[in-house]
Amino acid sequence: MRVLLTNDDGFDAPGLQALVTAFSAVSEVFVVAPQHQQSAQSHAFTLHKPLRVTERGPGRFALSGTPADCAYAGIHGLLGFRPD
C-alpha cells in the first residue's frame, strides 16, 4: 500500500515524522507537506502566487503552499501515481 501524508504544522514537525515512522512499518510512505507551519489553513488553496516544490528525500517533498495544496499536488501528479 502507498500512503500519502501531509499536515498543517510543516515538513519538519515532530508529529509528521512520528507518522512517517509508524506507517513505514506497514506501507510505502510518501510525504508532501508545507515548507512552514500552516495552522488554520487546512482547506485553503493558494491562488495568486506560484507554488515551489523542494525534494527533501526520496518520496519526500516540501511545498510552499497550504496542506490542501500539498494533498492536491501529491494526489494529482507530483508523485507520478495516485496513492492508495
C-alpha atoms as a PDB file:
ATOM      1  CA  MET A   1       0.000   0.000   0.000  1.00  0.00           C
ATOM      2  CA  ARG A   2       1.220   3.534  -0.838  1.00  0.00           C
ATOM      3  CA  VAL A   3       0.283   6.211   1.708  1.00  0.00           C
ATOM      4  CA  LEU A   4       0.468   9.988   1.240  1.00  0.00           C
ATOM      5  CA  LEU A   5       0.985  12.012   4.431  1.00  0.00           C
ATOM      6  CA  THR A   6       0.624  15.766   4.899  1.00  0.00           C
ATOM      7  CA  ASN A   7      -0.082  18.089   7.829  1.00  0.00           C
ATOM      8  CA  ASP A   8      -0.536  21.735   8.743  1.00  0.00           C
ATOM      9  CA  ASP A   9       2.464  22.017  11.077  1.00  0.00           C
ATOM     10  CA  GLY A  10       5.143  21.920   8.367  1.00  0.00           C
ATOM     11  CA  PHE A  11       7.506  19.388   6.858  1.00  0.00           C
ATOM     12  CA  ASP A  12       9.839  19.208   9.857  1.00  0.00           C
ATOM     13  CA  ALA A  13       7.114  18.823  12.506  1.00  0.00           C
ATOM     14  CA  PRO A  14       7.793  16.026  15.013  1.00  0.00           C
ATOM     15  CA  GLY A  15       4.243  14.689  14.658  1.00  0.00           C
ATOM     16  CA  LEU A  16       4.659  14.190  10.913  1.00  0.00           C
ATOM     17  CA  GLN A  17       7.950  12.393  11.440  1.00  0.00           C
ATOM     18  CA  ALA A  18       6.256  10.109  14.006  1.00  0.00           C
ATOM     19  CA  LEU A  19       3.543   9.262  11.461  1.00  0.00           C
ATOM     20  CA  VAL A  20       6.184   8.506   8.829  1.00  0.00           C
ATOM     21  CA  THR A  21       7.905   6.117  11.229  1.00  0.00           C
ATOM     22  CA  ALA A  22       4.653   4.404  12.229  1.00  0.00           C
ATOM     23  CA  PHE A  23       3.285   3.999   8.701  1.00  0.00           C
ATOM     24  CA  SER A  24       6.650   2.919   7.258  1.00  0.00           C
ATOM     25  CA  ALA A  25       6.345  -0.343   9.165  1.00  0.00           C
ATOM     26  CA  VAL A  26       3.231  -1.341   7.189  1.00  0.00           C
ATOM     27  CA  SER A  27       3.288   0.617   3.917  1.00  0.00           C
ATOM     28  CA  GLU A  28       5.284   2.661   1.432  1.00  0.00           C
ATOM     29  CA  VAL A  29       5.127   6.266   2.700  1.00  0.00           C
ATOM     30  CA  PHE A  30       5.237   9.475   0.683  1.00  0.00           C
ATOM     31  CA  VAL A  31       5.181  12.960   2.186  1.00  0.00           C
ATOM     32  CA  VAL A  32       4.054  16.215   0.614  1.00  0.00           C
ATOM     33  CA  ALA A  33       3.871  18.800   3.386  1.00  0.00           C
ATOM     34  CA  PRO A  34       4.084  22.588   3.710  1.00  0.00           C
ATOM     35  CA  GLN A  35       7.587  24.016   3.999  1.00  0.00           C
ATOM     36  CA  HIS A  36       6.459  26.039   7.019  1.00  0.00           C
ATOM     37  CA  GLN A  37       3.746  25.875   9.648  1.00  0.00           C
ATOM     38  CA  GLN A  38       0.275  26.463   8.138  1.00  0.00           C
ATOM     39  CA  SER A  39      -2.118  26.047  11.066  1.00  0.00           C
ATOM     40  CA  ALA A  40      -5.724  27.109  10.345  1.00  0.00           C
ATOM     41  CA  GLN A  41      -5.045  26.881   6.589  1.00  0.00           C
ATOM     42  CA  SER A  42      -6.059  23.259   6.100  1.00  0.00           C
ATOM     43  CA  HIS A  43      -8.762  23.793   3.449  1.00  0.00           C
ATOM     44  CA  ALA A  44      -7.300  26.883   1.779  1.00  0.00           C
ATOM     45  CA  PHE A  45      -5.769  26.739  -1.693  1.00  0.00           C
ATOM     46  CA  THR A  46      -3.025  29.045  -2.966  1.00  0.00           C
ATOM     47  CA  LEU A  47      -4.387  31.011  -5.923  1.00  0.00           C
ATOM     48  CA  HIS A  48      -2.293  34.129  -6.559  1.00  0.00           C
ATOM     49  CA  LYS A  49       1.329  33.055  -6.179  1.00  0.00           C
ATOM     50  CA  PRO A  50       3.392  30.221  -7.632  1.00  0.00           C
ATOM     51  CA  LEU A  51       3.925  27.029  -5.672  1.00  0.00           C
ATOM     52  CA  ARG A  52       7.512  25.898  -5.199  1.00  0.00           C
ATOM     53  CA  VAL A  53       8.472  22.284  -4.535  1.00  0.00           C
ATOM     54  CA  THR A  54      11.658  21.162  -2.812  1.00  0.00           C
ATOM     55  CA  GLU A  55      12.532  17.468  -2.819  1.00  0.00           C
ATOM     56  CA  ARG A  56      13.734  16.601   0.690  1.00  0.00           C
ATOM     57  CA  GLY A  57      14.483  12.931   0.003  1.00  0.00           C
ATOM     58  CA  PRO A  58      13.034  10.003  -1.935  1.00  0.00           C
ATOM     59  CA  GLY A  59       9.260  10.436  -1.927  1.00  0.00           C
ATOM     60  CA  ARG A  60       9.531  13.461   0.400  1.00  0.00           C
ATOM     61  CA  PHE A  61       8.516  16.926  -0.806  1.00  0.00           C
ATOM     62  CA  ALA A  62       8.166  20.308   0.886  1.00  0.00           C
ATOM     63  CA  LEU A  63       5.712  22.603  -0.902  1.00  0.00           C
ATOM     64  CA  SER A  64       5.415  26.375  -0.485  1.00  0.00           C
ATOM     65  CA  GLY A  65       1.643  26.122  -0.141  1.00  0.00           C
ATOM     66  CA  THR A  66      -1.094  25.036   2.218  1.00  0.00           C
ATOM     67  CA  PRO A  67      -1.954  21.497   3.357  1.00  0.00           C
ATOM     68  CA  ALA A  68      -4.731  21.374   0.729  1.00  0.00           C
ATOM     69  CA  ASP A  69      -2.199  22.363  -1.959  1.00  0.00           C
ATOM     70  CA  CYS A  70       0.059  19.550  -0.731  1.00  0.00           C
ATOM     71  CA  ALA A  71      -2.654  16.906  -0.805  1.00  0.00           C
ATOM     72  CA  TYR A  72      -3.820  18.016  -4.250  1.00  0.00           C
ATOM     73  CA  ALA A  73      -0.267  18.072  -5.652  1.00  0.00           C
ATOM     74  CA  GLY A  74       0.507  14.632  -4.246  1.00  0.00           C
ATOM     75  CA  ILE A  75      -2.714  13.035  -5.483  1.00  0.00           C
ATOM     76  CA  HIS A  76      -2.822  14.724  -8.894  1.00  0.00           C
ATOM     77  CA  GLY A  77       0.670  14.448 -10.267  1.00  0.00           C
ATOM     78  CA  LEU A  78       3.643  15.275  -8.056  1.00  0.00           C
ATOM     79  CA  LEU A  79       4.213  11.630  -7.113  1.00  0.00           C
ATOM     80  CA  GLY A  80       3.585  10.286 -10.612  1.00  0.00           C
ATOM     81  CA  PHE A  81       0.918   7.864  -9.340  1.00  0.00           C
ATOM     82  CA  ARG A  82      -2.216   8.043  -7.253  1.00  0.00           C
ATOM     83  CA  PRO A  83      -1.627   6.936  -3.637  1.00  0.00           C
ATOM     84  CA  ASP A  84      -3.908   4.329  -2.096  1.00  0.00           C
END
